[in-house]
Amino acid sequence: MRRSFRFGRLFGPALSVVLAVVPLLAGAQDEADTDWNHLGLNFRAGFNIRARFSTPSSLVFPPGPGAGSAVNRQYNDGFVNVDSSGNQGGQTWNWGYRQASQVSGNNVLMHASGLERASEHATDDPNLGLDFNYVRDIAHPSWGQWGIKVGAAYTRVDVRDAAPMSANVETITDKYPLNGVTPPMAPYSGSFSGPGPVIGSKPSSRTTAIAPNGAIITGDHSLEASLFDLRLGPSFNIPLFNRFSLQTGGGLAVGLVYSHFSFTESSTAGAGPVSASGSSTRTGLVPGAYAEAGFAYRIWRSTSLFTGAQFEYLGDFQQGADGRTARLDFGRTVFYEFGLQWHF
């Protein structure tokens, strides 16, 4: 048998509760003027916290022609070093090369390559946390209330980036005169004491070539940080209608950052594959400022719901590990918050 649906049976109890609560809520705004202390606890979600991971430049080349003839020069595909005679007469038998293609006419060509600095941006929005604040009213003028607000918050930041980075490759080519000498078959490696075929010990010229994005750096970069921030400034509460009010303010802020940075990398350039890894931990302060605005709804005489947004500028926090750099940018951080307020 089908039973008829009775709205009264379902909504009757709920209507009774509403009728009992509404008179209490109606008096909530009237009590607001007697409240001079306000506690708030909010959940927060932070956006625009960006991390930038950077690799070091490896542009360290052998001394150029201006360094003279009596210096050691190491290359990706050979070497030209000082011999036991001290490179007498601007020549040396302490040299070597790897491939026959390096011989060009009456010269032997030596090459060295390095990577320019590379970087990658990453973010992990949203970054979640908690915010606790206290407002002590100073005055209750006709338009509302104003006072001093103290806030303390915690936000967890966890940024991981496994995207490949591309780096420019710079290659120098040094030309050494053979002076009519027929070089030994490659690969060849002379010695300090000799004897052996001699070549000019100083480059007759140097040229430079750059291959844009010529190297790919793969691996993983990770930055795990805890942000503890304190805020102090004026706060304003402006009643709007019914039990709604606008809350706004701003002032000084300072953040304490505790972070752990780790990386693993692999790249290929010049001499072949190069792998590296490392980590570091750092704690530091980042001063700044904040501004905020939101809406509160008085659901009880001493309790309000709150939602709003907070802009916080704390600048950059930077740390390094084995030549690599991780930088957190807090300059454009926006927090969306919602929670409860208690008034007394």
C-alpha atoms as a PDB file:
ATOM      1  CA  MET A   1       0.000   0.000   0.000  1.00  0.00           C
ATOM      2  CA  ARG A   2       1.327   3.445  -0.914  1.00  0.00           C
ATOM      3  CA  ARG A   3       1.409   5.970   1.878  1.00  0.00           C
ATOM      4  CA  SER A   4       0.735   9.638   1.260  1.00  0.00           C
ATOM      5  CA  PHE A   5       3.651  11.988   1.921  1.00  0.00           C
ATOM      6  CA  ARG A   6       2.869  14.448   4.697  1.00  0.00           C
ATOM      7  CA  PHE A   7       4.943  17.654   4.692  1.00  0.00           C
ATOM      8  CA  GLY A   8       3.836  18.470   8.226  1.00  0.00           C
ATOM      9  CA  ARG A   9       5.332  15.300   9.608  1.00  0.00           C
ATOM     10  CA  LEU A  10       8.719  16.085   8.003  1.00  0.00           C
ATOM     11  CA  PHE A  11       8.974  19.843   8.481  1.00  0.00           C
ATOM     12  CA  GLY A  12       6.944  20.344  11.641  1.00  0.00           C
ATOM     13  CA  PRO A  13       9.805  19.670  14.096  1.00  0.00           C
ATOM     14  CA  ALA A  14      12.257  21.723  12.018  1.00  0.00           C
ATOM     15  CA  LEU A  15       9.836  24.656  11.916  1.00  0.00           C
ATOM     16  CA  SER A  16       9.483  24.547  15.675  1.00  0.00           C
ATOM     17  CA  VAL A  17      13.269  24.782  16.101  1.00  0.00           C
ATOM     18  CA  VAL A  18      13.482  27.710  13.685  1.00  0.00           C
ATOM     19  CA  LEU A  19      10.708  29.593  15.486  1.00  0.00           C
ATOM     20  CA  ALA A  20      12.503  29.088  18.770  1.00  0.00           C
ATOM     21  CA  VAL A  21      15.948  30.194  17.468  1.00  0.00           C
ATOM     22  CA  VAL A  22      14.979  33.208  15.351  1.00  0.00           C
ATOM     23  CA  PRO A  23      14.139  35.475  18.322  1.00  0.00           C
ATOM     24  CA  LEU A  24      17.564  34.744  19.801  1.00  0.00           C
ATOM     25  CA  LEU A  25      19.300  35.482  16.489  1.00  0.00           C
ATOM     26  CA  ALA A  26      17.354  38.696  16.086  1.00  0.00           C
ATOM     27  CA  GLY A  27      18.868  39.982  19.292  1.00  0.00           C
ATOM     28  CA  ALA A  28      22.405  39.019  18.281  1.00  0.00           C
ATOM     29  CA  GLN A  29      23.151  42.318  16.547  1.00  0.00           C
ATOM     30  CA  ASP A  30      21.825  44.255  19.490  1.00  0.00           C
ATOM     31  CA  GLU A  31      24.350  42.519  21.734  1.00  0.00           C
ATOM     32  CA  ALA A  32      27.263  43.280  19.396  1.00  0.00           C
ATOM     33  CA  ASP A  33      27.866  46.698  20.891  1.00  0.00           C
ATOM     34  CA  THR A  34      28.624  45.142  24.279  1.00  0.00           C
ATOM     35  CA  ASP A  35      31.344  42.839  22.889  1.00  0.00           C
ATOM     36  CA  TRP A  36      34.863  44.272  23.117  1.00  0.00           C
ATOM     37  CA  ASN A  37      36.894  41.072  22.653  1.00  0.00           C
ATOM     38  CA  HIS A  38      36.835  38.797  19.613  1.00  0.00           C
ATOM     39  CA  LEU A  39      38.569  35.458  19.071  1.00  0.00           C
ATOM     40  CA  GLY A  40      38.804  33.857  15.632  1.00  0.00           C
ATOM     41  CA  LEU A  41      39.857  30.437  14.375  1.00  0.00           C
ATOM     42  CA  ASN A  42      40.007  29.947  10.602  1.00  0.00           C
ATOM     43  CA  PHE A  43      41.014  27.308   8.146  1.00  0.00           C
ATOM     44  CA  ARG A  44      43.101  28.856   5.378  1.00  0.00           C
ATOM     45  CA  ALA A  45      44.148  27.983   1.842  1.00  0.00           C
ATOM     46  CA  GLY A  46      47.113  29.861   0.411  1.00  0.00           C
ATOM     47  CA  PHE A  47      47.648  30.557  -3.283  1.00  0.00           C
ATOM     48  CA  ASN A  48      50.473  32.087  -5.377  1.00  0.00           C
ATOM     49  CA  ILE A  49      53.266  30.725  -3.181  1.00  0.00           C
ATOM     50  CA  ARG A  50      55.810  29.940  -5.878  1.00  0.00           C
ATOM     51  CA  ALA A  51      59.099  28.071  -5.747  1.00  0.00           C
ATOM     52  CA  ARG A  52      61.949  28.622  -8.168  1.00  0.00           C
ATOM     53  CA  PHE A  53      64.620  25.954  -8.534  1.00  0.00           C
ATOM     54  CA  SER A  54      67.911  26.930 -10.175  1.00  0.00           C
ATOM     55  CA  THR A  55      70.986  25.001 -11.272  1.00  0.00           C
ATOM     56  CA  PRO A  56      74.503  26.484 -11.188  1.00  0.00           C
ATOM     57  CA  SER A  57      76.478  27.576 -14.205  1.00  0.00           C
ATOM     58  CA  SER A  58      79.334  25.245 -15.211  1.00  0.00           C
ATOM     59  CA  LEU A  59      81.044  27.757 -17.482  1.00  0.00           C
ATOM     60  CA  VAL A  60      84.586  27.162 -16.211  1.00  0.00           C
ATOM     61  CA  PHE A  61      86.946  27.099 -19.177  1.00  0.00           C
ATOM     62  CA  PRO A  62      90.734  26.678 -19.582  1.00  0.00           C
ATOM     63  CA  PRO A  63      92.823  29.854 -19.498  1.00  0.00           C
ATOM     64  CA  GLY A  64      92.681  31.804 -22.747  1.00  0.00           C
ATOM     65  CA  PRO A  65      95.565  32.776 -25.027  1.00  0.00           C
ATOM     66  CA  GLY A  66      96.276  35.814 -22.871  1.00  0.00           C
ATOM     67  CA  ALA A  67      97.421  33.579 -19.991  1.00  0.00           C
ATOM     68  CA  GLY A  68     100.579  32.712 -21.912  1.00  0.00           C
ATOM     69  CA  SER A  69     102.183  29.450 -23.003  1.00  0.00           C
ATOM     70  CA  ALA A  70     103.343  27.944 -19.683  1.00  0.00           C
ATOM     71  CA  VAL A  71      99.971  26.993 -18.141  1.00  0.00           C
ATOM     72  CA  ASN A  72      97.962  23.766 -17.998  1.00  0.00           C
ATOM     73  CA  ARG A  73      94.790  23.644 -20.093  1.00  0.00           C
ATOM     74  CA  GLN A  74      92.239  20.829 -19.776  1.00  0.00           C
ATOM     75  CA  TYR A  75      89.516  20.209 -22.376  1.00  0.00           C
ATOM     76  CA  ASN A  76      86.616  17.837 -22.899  1.00  0.00           C
ATOM     77  CA  ASP A  77      88.517  16.118 -25.691  1.00  0.00           C
ATOM     78  CA  GLY A  78      92.162  16.611 -24.757  1.00  0.00           C
ATOM     79  CA  PHE A  79      94.771  18.622 -22.870  1.00  0.00           C
ATOM     80  CA  VAL A  80      97.734  20.905 -23.446  1.00  0.00           C
ATOM     81  CA  ASN A  81      99.966  21.022 -20.336  1.00  0.00           C
ATOM     82  CA  VAL A  82     103.388  22.205 -19.255  1.00  0.00           C
ATOM     83  CA  ASP A  83     106.179  19.703 -19.977  1.00  0.00           C
ATOM     84  CA  SER A  84     109.481  19.110 -18.204  1.00  0.00           C
ATOM     85  CA  SER A  85     111.166  21.876 -20.198  1.00  0.00           C
ATOM     86  CA  GLY A  86     108.680  24.449 -18.965  1.00  0.00           C
ATOM     87  CA  ASN A  87     107.282  24.725 -22.516  1.00  0.00           C
ATOM     88  CA  GLN A  88     110.532  26.126 -23.757  1.00  0.00           C
ATOM     89  CA  GLY A  89     110.176  28.004 -27.033  1.00  0.00           C
ATOM     90  CA  GLY A  90     106.376  28.134 -26.661  1.00  0.00           C
ATOM     91  CA  GLN A  91     106.032  24.418 -27.421  1.00  0.00           C
ATOM     92  CA  THR A  92     105.125  21.287 -25.447  1.00  0.00           C
ATOM     93  CA  TRP A  93     105.163  17.513 -25.874  1.00  0.00           C
ATOM     94  CA  ASN A  94     102.783  17.126 -22.901  1.00  0.00           C
ATOM     95  CA  TRP A  95      99.555  17.157 -24.889  1.00  0.00           C
ATOM     96  CA  GLY A  96      96.841  14.795 -26.077  1.00  0.00           C
ATOM     97  CA  TYR A  97      93.652  14.545 -28.083  1.00  0.00           C
ATOM     98  CA  ARG A  98      90.864  11.990 -28.569  1.00  0.00           C
ATOM     99  CA  GLN A  99      89.517  12.062 -32.126  1.00  0.00           C
ATOM    100  CA  ALA A 100      91.030  12.358 -35.562  1.00  0.00           C
ATOM    101  CA  SER A 101      88.397  14.955 -36.498  1.00  0.00           C
ATOM    102  CA  GLN A 102      90.157  17.410 -34.173  1.00  0.00           C
ATOM    103  CA  VAL A 103      92.996  17.754 -36.685  1.00  0.00           C
ATOM    104  CA  SER A 104      92.198  20.612 -39.055  1.00  0.00           C
ATOM    105  CA  GLY A 105      94.904  21.486 -41.547  1.00  0.00           C
ATOM    106  CA  ASN A 106      98.027  22.518 -39.657  1.00  0.00           C
ATOM    107  CA  ASN A 107      96.155  22.805 -36.352  1.00  0.00           C
ATOM    108  CA  VAL A 108      94.626  20.617 -33.656  1.00  0.00           C
ATOM    109  CA  LEU A 109      91.345  21.808 -32.166  1.00  0.00           C
ATOM    110  CA  MET A 110      90.490  21.467 -28.470  1.00  0.00           C
ATOM    111  CA  HIS A 111      86.958  21.909 -27.120  1.00  0.00           C
ATOM    112  CA  ALA A 112      85.440  22.656 -23.709  1.00  0.00           C
ATOM    113  CA  SER A 113      81.739  22.993 -22.948  1.00  0.00           C
ATOM    114  CA  GLY A 114      79.670  24.218 -20.032  1.00  0.00           C
ATOM    115  CA  LEU A 115      76.056  24.885 -19.089  1.00  0.00           C
ATOM    116  CA  GLU A 116      74.565  28.277 -18.386  1.00  0.00           C
ATOM    117  CA  ARG A 117      72.372  28.708 -15.321  1.00  0.00           C
ATOM    118  CA  ALA A 118      68.904  27.155 -15.690  1.00  0.00           C
ATOM    119  CA  SER A 119      65.749  27.588 -13.599  1.00  0.00           C
ATOM    120  CA  GLU A 120      62.188  26.295 -13.308  1.00  0.00           C
ATOM    121  CA  HIS A 121      59.123  27.649 -11.487  1.00  0.00           C
ATOM    122  CA  ALA A 122      56.676  25.417  -9.621  1.00  0.00           C
ATOM    123  CA  THR A 123      53.749  25.741  -7.242  1.00  0.00           C
ATOM    124  CA  ASP A 124      51.495  23.421  -5.271  1.00  0.00           C
ATOM    125  CA  ASP A 125      48.282  25.390  -4.704  1.00  0.00           C
ATOM    126  CA  PRO A 126      46.452  25.354  -2.423  1.00  0.00           C
ATOM    127  CA  ASN A 127      48.699  25.400   0.637  1.00  0.00           C
ATOM    128  CA  LEU A 128      46.587  24.593   3.691  1.00  0.00           C
ATOM    129  CA  GLY A 129      46.882  25.847   7.243  1.00  0.00           C
ATOM    130  CA  LEU A 130      45.228  27.390  10.305  1.00  0.00           C
ATOM    131  CA  ASP A 131      44.885  30.979  11.493  1.00  0.00           C
ATOM    132  CA  PHE A 132      44.208  32.155  15.056  1.00  0.00           C
ATOM    133  CA  ASN A 133      43.477  35.815  15.793  1.00  0.00           C
ATOM    134  CA  TYR A 134      42.338  38.124  18.572  1.00  0.00           C
ATOM    135  CA  VAL A 135      40.822  41.612  18.312  1.00  0.00           C
ATOM    136  CA  ARG A 136      40.533  44.039  21.211  1.00  0.00           C
ATOM    137  CA  ASP A 137      38.192  46.894  20.411  1.00  0.00           C
ATOM    138  CA  ILE A 138      39.384  50.427  21.092  1.00  0.00           C
ATOM    139  CA  ALA A 139      36.159  52.277  20.296  1.00  0.00           C
ATOM    140  CA  HIS A 140      32.578  51.742  19.161  1.00  0.00           C
ATOM    141  CA  PRO A 141      31.661  54.798  17.060  1.00  0.00           C
ATOM    142  CA  SER A 142      28.310  55.158  15.327  1.00  0.00           C
ATOM    143  CA  TRP A 143      29.463  53.356  12.154  1.00  0.00           C
ATOM    144  CA  GLY A 144      30.738  50.212  13.923  1.00  0.00           C
ATOM    145  CA  GLN A 145      33.787  49.118  15.906  1.00  0.00           C
ATOM    146  CA  TRP A 146      37.529  49.374  15.523  1.00  0.00           C
ATOM    147  CA  GLY A 147      40.399  47.888  17.467  1.00  0.00           C
ATOM    148  CA  ILE A 148      43.799  46.196  17.346  1.00  0.00           C
ATOM    149  CA  LYS A 149      44.187  42.732  15.863  1.00  0.00           C
ATOM    150  CA  VAL A 150      46.882  40.171  16.603  1.00  0.00           C
ATOM    151  CA  GLY A 151      47.087  37.093  14.383  1.00  0.00           C
ATOM    152  CA  ALA A 152      49.199  33.939  14.273  1.00  0.00           C
ATOM    153  CA  ALA A 153      49.013  31.356  11.499  1.00  0.00           C
ATOM    154  CA  TYR A 154      50.637  28.171  10.254  1.00  0.00           C
ATOM    155  CA  THR A 155      50.794  27.156   6.595  1.00  0.00           C
ATOM    156  CA  ARG A 156      52.344  24.020   5.118  1.00  0.00           C
ATOM    157  CA  VAL A 157      54.168  24.431   1.798  1.00  0.00           C
ATOM    158  CA  ASP A 158      55.220  21.331  -0.125  1.00  0.00           C
ATOM    159  CA  VAL A 159      56.486  21.945  -3.675  1.00  0.00           C
ATOM    160  CA  ARG A 160      57.880  19.158  -5.841  1.00  0.00           C
ATOM    161  CA  ASP A 161      59.050  19.569  -9.416  1.00  0.00           C
ATOM    162  CA  ALA A 162      60.168  16.781 -11.736  1.00  0.00           C
ATOM    163  CA  ALA A 163      59.862  18.769 -14.973  1.00  0.00           C
ATOM    164  CA  PRO A 164      63.026  18.798 -17.137  1.00  0.00           C
ATOM    165  CA  MET A 165      64.997  22.031 -17.328  1.00  0.00           C
ATOM    166  CA  SER A 166      66.689  23.234 -20.489  1.00  0.00           C
ATOM    167  CA  ALA A 167      70.017  25.048 -20.369  1.00  0.00           C
ATOM    168  CA  ASN A 168      72.088  26.837 -22.965  1.00  0.00           C
ATOM    169  CA  VAL A 169      75.366  25.100 -23.796  1.00  0.00           C
ATOM    170  CA  GLU A 170      78.423  27.273 -24.387  1.00  0.00           C
ATOM    171  CA  THR A 171      81.389  25.695 -26.184  1.00  0.00           C
ATOM    172  CA  ILE A 172      84.823  27.211 -26.713  1.00  0.00           C
ATOM    173  CA  THR A 173      87.226  25.994 -29.424  1.00  0.00           C
ATOM    174  CA  ASP A 174      90.958  26.617 -29.007  1.00  0.00           C
ATOM    175  CA  LYS A 175      93.240  26.209 -32.033  1.00  0.00           C
ATOM    176  CA  TYR A 176      96.810  24.962 -31.454  1.00  0.00           C
ATOM    177  CA  PRO A 177      99.421  25.109 -34.249  1.00  0.00           C
ATOM    178  CA  LEU A 178     101.031  21.793 -35.226  1.00  0.00           C
ATOM    179  CA  ASN A 179     103.967  23.679 -36.748  1.00  0.00           C
ATOM    180  CA  GLY A 180     104.273  21.089 -39.522  1.00  0.00           C
ATOM    181  CA  VAL A 181     104.270  18.111 -37.150  1.00  0.00           C
ATOM    182  CA  THR A 182     102.244  15.085 -38.182  1.00  0.00           C
ATOM    183  CA  PRO A 183     100.191  14.193 -35.080  1.00  0.00           C
ATOM    184  CA  PRO A 184     100.124  10.615 -33.794  1.00  0.00           C
ATOM    185  CA  MET A 185      96.990   8.595 -34.524  1.00  0.00           C
ATOM    186  CA  ALA A 186      94.093   9.413 -32.182  1.00  0.00           C
ATOM    187  CA  PRO A 187      93.608   8.849 -29.356  1.00  0.00           C
ATOM    188  CA  TYR A 188      96.975  10.117 -28.219  1.00  0.00           C
ATOM    189  CA  SER A 189      98.287  11.169 -24.799  1.00  0.00           C
ATOM    190  CA  GLY A 190     101.738  12.643 -24.262  1.00  0.00           C
ATOM    191  CA  SER A 191     103.600  12.882 -20.938  1.00  0.00           C
ATOM    192  CA  PHE A 192     105.344  15.419 -18.758  1.00  0.00           C
ATOM    193  CA  SER A 193     108.808  13.920 -19.174  1.00  0.00           C
ATOM    194  CA  GLY A 194     108.494  13.161 -22.891  1.00  0.00           C
ATOM    195  CA  PRO A 195     109.904  13.034 -25.416  1.00  0.00           C
ATOM    196  CA  GLY A 196     107.219  13.216 -28.084  1.00  0.00           C
ATOM    197  CA  PRO A 197     105.913  15.316 -30.959  1.00  0.00           C
ATOM    198  CA  VAL A 198     105.640  18.957 -29.965  1.00  0.00           C
ATOM    199  CA  ILE A 199     102.929  21.506 -30.750  1.00  0.00           C
ATOM    200  CA  GLY A 200     102.408  25.143 -29.874  1.00  0.00           C
ATOM    201  CA  SER A 201     101.614  25.409 -26.151  1.00  0.00           C
ATOM    202  CA  LYS A 202      99.385  28.502 -26.470  1.00  0.00           C
ATOM    203  CA  PRO A 203      96.154  28.727 -28.497  1.00  0.00           C
ATOM    204  CA  SER A 204      96.530  30.804 -31.607  1.00  0.00           C
ATOM    205  CA  SER A 205      92.820  31.693 -31.386  1.00  0.00           C
ATOM    206  CA  ARG A 206      89.632  30.977 -29.429  1.00  0.00           C
ATOM    207  CA  THR A 207      86.069  30.957 -30.725  1.00  0.00           C
ATOM    208  CA  THR A 208      82.810  30.630 -28.766  1.00  0.00           C
ATOM    209  CA  ALA A 209      79.507  29.058 -29.809  1.00  0.00           C
ATOM    210  CA  ILE A 210      76.220  28.902 -27.881  1.00  0.00           C
ATOM    211  CA  ALA A 211      73.579  26.209 -28.415  1.00  0.00           C
ATOM    212  CA  PRO A 212      70.261  27.516 -27.030  1.00  0.00           C
ATOM    213  CA  ASN A 213      68.560  24.870 -24.882  1.00  0.00           C
ATOM    214  CA  GLY A 214      71.305  22.482 -25.897  1.00  0.00           C
ATOM    215  CA  ALA A 215      71.182  20.478 -22.666  1.00  0.00           C
ATOM    216  CA  ILE A 216      68.315  18.904 -20.763  1.00  0.00           C
ATOM    217  CA  ILE A 217      68.580  18.574 -17.002  1.00  0.00           C
ATOM    218  CA  THR A 218      66.333  15.876 -15.575  1.00  0.00           C
ATOM    219  CA  GLY A 219      65.665  14.892 -11.995  1.00  0.00           C
ATOM    220  CA  ASP A 220      63.593  15.926  -9.027  1.00  0.00           C
ATOM    221  CA  HIS A 221      63.540  19.069  -6.874  1.00  0.00           C
ATOM    222  CA  SER A 222      61.662  19.183  -3.581  1.00  0.00           C
ATOM    223  CA  LEU A 223      61.028  21.969  -1.080  1.00  0.00           C
ATOM    224  CA  GLU A 224      59.128  21.219   2.124  1.00  0.00           C
ATOM    225  CA  ALA A 225      58.519  24.287   4.283  1.00  0.00           C
ATOM    226  CA  SER A 226      56.541  25.420   7.302  1.00  0.00           C
ATOM    227  CA  LEU A 227      55.484  29.072   7.412  1.00  0.00           C
ATOM    228  CA  PHE A 228      54.629  30.578  10.810  1.00  0.00           C
ATOM    229  CA  ASP A 229      53.447  34.159  10.396  1.00  0.00           C
ATOM    230  CA  LEU A 230      52.519  36.835  12.941  1.00  0.00           C
ATOM    231  CA  ARG A 231      50.416  39.893  12.152  1.00  0.00           C
ATOM    232  CA  LEU A 232      49.602  43.118  13.984  1.00  0.00           C
ATOM    233  CA  GLY A 233      47.434  46.018  12.862  1.00  0.00           C
ATOM    234  CA  PRO A 234      44.125  47.893  13.130  1.00  0.00           C
ATOM    235  CA  SER A 235      40.858  46.073  12.514  1.00  0.00           C
ATOM    236  CA  PHE A 236      37.444  47.518  11.552  1.00  0.00           C
ATOM    237  CA  ASN A 237      33.987  45.983  11.860  1.00  0.00           C
ATOM    238  CA  ILE A 238      31.189  47.723   9.934  1.00  0.00           C
ATOM    239  CA  PRO A 239      27.606  46.402  10.322  1.00  0.00           C
ATOM    240  CA  LEU A 240      25.806  46.083   6.975  1.00  0.00           C
ATOM    241  CA  PHE A 241      22.306  44.632   7.345  1.00  0.00           C
ATOM    242  CA  ASN A 242      20.565  42.092   9.528  1.00  0.00           C
ATOM    243  CA  ARG A 243      23.438  40.141  11.151  1.00  0.00           C
ATOM    244  CA  PHE A 244      26.010  40.692   8.391  1.00  0.00           C
ATOM    245  CA  SER A 245      29.087  42.874   8.874  1.00  0.00           C
ATOM    246  CA  LEU A 246      32.150  43.812   6.871  1.00  0.00           C
ATOM    247  CA  GLN A 247      35.504  43.241   8.553  1.00  0.00           C
ATOM    248  CA  THR A 248      38.687  44.737   7.174  1.00  0.00           C
ATOM    249  CA  GLY A 249      42.167  45.719   8.309  1.00  0.00           C
ATOM    250  CA  GLY A 250      45.875  45.492   7.665  1.00  0.00           C
ATOM    251  CA  GLY A 251      49.280  46.113   9.150  1.00  0.00           C
ATOM    252  CA  LEU A 252      52.682  44.549   9.695  1.00  0.00           C
ATOM    253  CA  ALA A 253      53.543  40.894   9.238  1.00  0.00           C
ATOM    254  CA  VAL A 254      56.588  38.701   9.796  1.00  0.00           C
ATOM    255  CA  GLY A 255      57.078  35.093   8.782  1.00  0.00           C
ATOM    256  CA  LEU A 256      59.310  32.398  10.217  1.00  0.00           C
ATOM    257  CA  VAL A 257      60.189  29.817   7.575  1.00  0.00           C
ATOM    258  CA  TYR A 258      61.639  26.389   8.299  1.00  0.00           C
ATOM    259  CA  SER A 259      62.401  24.471   5.109  1.00  0.00           C
ATOM    260  CA  HIS A 260      64.157  21.400   3.735  1.00  0.00           C
ATOM    261  CA  PHE A 261      65.444  21.461   0.137  1.00  0.00           C
ATOM    262  CA  SER A 262      66.614  18.353  -1.721  1.00  0.00           C
ATOM    263  CA  PHE A 263      67.452  17.552  -5.344  1.00  0.00           C
ATOM    264  CA  THR A 264      68.688  14.872  -7.734  1.00  0.00           C
ATOM    265  CA  GLU A 265      69.869  15.837 -11.214  1.00  0.00           C
ATOM    266  CA  SER A 266      71.337  14.342 -14.346  1.00  0.00           C
ATOM    267  CA  SER A 267      72.556  16.248 -17.400  1.00  0.00           C
ATOM    268  CA  THR A 268      74.634  15.692 -20.527  1.00  0.00           C
ATOM    269  CA  ALA A 269      76.990  18.271 -21.982  1.00  0.00           C
ATOM    270  CA  GLY A 270      80.496  18.189 -23.351  1.00  0.00           C
ATOM    271  CA  ALA A 271      82.316  15.441 -21.459  1.00  0.00           C
ATOM    272  CA  GLY A 272      79.226  13.256 -20.998  1.00  0.00           C
ATOM    273  CA  PRO A 273      76.529  12.536 -18.400  1.00  0.00           C
ATOM    274  CA  VAL A 274      76.839  14.250 -15.033  1.00  0.00           C
ATOM    275  CA  SER A 275      74.750  13.322 -11.981  1.00  0.00           C
ATOM    276  CA  ALA A 276      74.412  15.193  -8.709  1.00  0.00           C
ATOM    277  CA  SER A 277      72.303  15.168  -5.563  1.00  0.00           C
ATOM    278  CA  GLY A 278      72.171  17.067  -2.290  1.00  0.00           C
ATOM    279  CA  SER A 279      70.010  18.631   0.391  1.00  0.00           C
ATOM    280  CA  SER A 280      69.969  21.385   3.012  1.00  0.00           C
ATOM    281  CA  THR A 281      67.801  22.729   5.832  1.00  0.00           C
ATOM    282  CA  ARG A 282      67.380  26.394   6.729  1.00  0.00           C
ATOM    283  CA  THR A 283      65.386  28.635   9.062  1.00  0.00           C
ATOM    284  CA  GLY A 284      64.889  32.354   8.453  1.00  0.00           C
ATOM    285  CA  LEU A 285      62.662  35.413   8.900  1.00  0.00           C
ATOM    286  CA  VAL A 286      60.806  37.246   6.122  1.00  0.00           C
ATOM    287  CA  PRO A 287      59.227  40.596   7.153  1.00  0.00           C
ATOM    288  CA  GLY A 288      56.365  42.229   5.293  1.00  0.00           C
ATOM    289  CA  ALA A 289      52.780  43.469   5.508  1.00  0.00           C
ATOM    290  CA  TYR A 290      49.207  42.287   5.060  1.00  0.00           C
ATOM    291  CA  ALA A 291      45.718  43.516   4.160  1.00  0.00           C
ATOM    292  CA  GLU A 292      42.456  41.641   4.605  1.00  0.00           C
ATOM    293  CA  ALA A 293      38.702  41.859   4.136  1.00  0.00           C
ATOM    294  CA  GLY A 294      35.813  39.529   4.839  1.00  0.00           C
ATOM    295  CA  PHE A 295      32.237  39.078   5.980  1.00  0.00           C
ATOM    296  CA  ALA A 296      30.919  37.871   9.314  1.00  0.00           C
ATOM    297  CA  TYR A 297      27.448  36.554  10.043  1.00  0.00           C
ATOM    298  CA  ARG A 298      26.287  36.550  13.677  1.00  0.00           C
ATOM    299  CA  ILE A 299      24.614  33.155  14.135  1.00  0.00           C
ATOM    300  CA  TRP A 300      24.356  33.473  17.925  1.00  0.00           C
ATOM    301  CA  ARG A 301      24.777  36.179  20.503  1.00  0.00           C
ATOM    302  CA  SER A 302      28.458  35.302  20.979  1.00  0.00           C
ATOM    303  CA  THR A 303      29.297  33.409  17.774  1.00  0.00           C
ATOM    304  CA  SER A 304      29.802  34.383  14.130  1.00  0.00           C
ATOM    305  CA  LEU A 305      30.643  32.627  10.909  1.00  0.00           C
ATOM    306  CA  PHE A 306      33.459  34.266   8.956  1.00  0.00           C
ATOM    307  CA  THR A 307      34.779  34.054   5.402  1.00  0.00           C
ATOM    308  CA  GLY A 308      37.266  36.342   3.704  1.00  0.00           C
ATOM    309  CA  ALA A 309      40.567  36.831   1.930  1.00  0.00           C
ATOM    310  CA  GLN A 310      43.955  38.032   3.092  1.00  0.00           C
ATOM    311  CA  PHE A 311      46.782  39.394   0.946  1.00  0.00           C
ATOM    312  CA  GLU A 312      50.206  38.976   2.483  1.00  0.00           C
ATOM    313  CA  TYR A 313      53.562  40.228   1.258  1.00  0.00           C
ATOM    314  CA  LEU A 314      56.570  38.565   2.876  1.00  0.00           C
ATOM    315  CA  GLY A 315      59.176  38.792   0.136  1.00  0.00           C
ATOM    316  CA  ASP A 316      61.526  35.938  -0.801  1.00  0.00           C
ATOM    317  CA  PHE A 317      63.102  33.128   1.184  1.00  0.00           C
ATOM    318  CA  GLN A 318      66.158  31.492  -0.389  1.00  0.00           C
ATOM    319  CA  GLN A 319      68.420  28.563   0.413  1.00  0.00           C
ATOM    320  CA  GLY A 320      71.074  26.581  -1.417  1.00  0.00           C
ATOM    321  CA  ALA A 321      72.523  23.089  -1.591  1.00  0.00           C
ATOM    322  CA  ASP A 322      75.681  22.143  -3.510  1.00  0.00           C
ATOM    323  CA  GLY A 323      75.382  25.102  -5.848  1.00  0.00           C
ATOM    324  CA  ARG A 324      71.673  24.622  -6.480  1.00  0.00           C
ATOM    325  CA  THR A 325      69.177  27.216  -5.265  1.00  0.00           C
ATOM    326  CA  ALA A 326      65.582  27.037  -4.081  1.00  0.00           C
ATOM    327  CA  ARG A 327      63.653  30.271  -3.622  1.00  0.00           C
ATOM    328  CA  LEU A 328      60.171  30.685  -2.152  1.00  0.00           C
ATOM    329  CA  ASP A 329      58.288  33.744  -3.351  1.00  0.00           C
ATOM    330  CA  PHE A 330      55.790  35.030  -0.758  1.00  0.00           C
ATOM    331  CA  GLY A 331      55.332  38.378  -2.498  1.00  0.00           C
ATOM    332  CA  ARG A 332      51.855  37.735  -3.932  1.00  0.00           C
ATOM    333  CA  THR A 333      50.302  35.313  -1.471  1.00  0.00           C
ATOM    334  CA  VAL A 334      46.525  35.251  -1.113  1.00  0.00           C
ATOM    335  CA  PHE A 335      44.844  33.289   1.668  1.00  0.00           C
ATOM    336  CA  TYR A 336      41.173  32.359   1.539  1.00  0.00           C
ATOM    337  CA  GLU A 337      39.839  31.783   5.047  1.00  0.00           C
ATOM    338  CA  PHE A 338      36.676  30.539   6.718  1.00  0.00           C
ATOM    339  CA  GLY A 339      35.930  29.771  10.324  1.00  0.00           C
ATOM    340  CA  LEU A 340      34.303  30.914  13.551  1.00  0.00           C
ATOM    341  CA  GLN A 341      34.514  33.969  15.778  1.00  0.00           C
ATOM    342  CA  TRP A 342      33.625  34.237  19.450  1.00  0.00           C
ATOM    343  CA  HIS A 343      32.654  37.580  21.005  1.00  0.00           C
ATOM    344  CA  PHE A 344      32.682  38.543  24.683  1.00  0.00           C
END
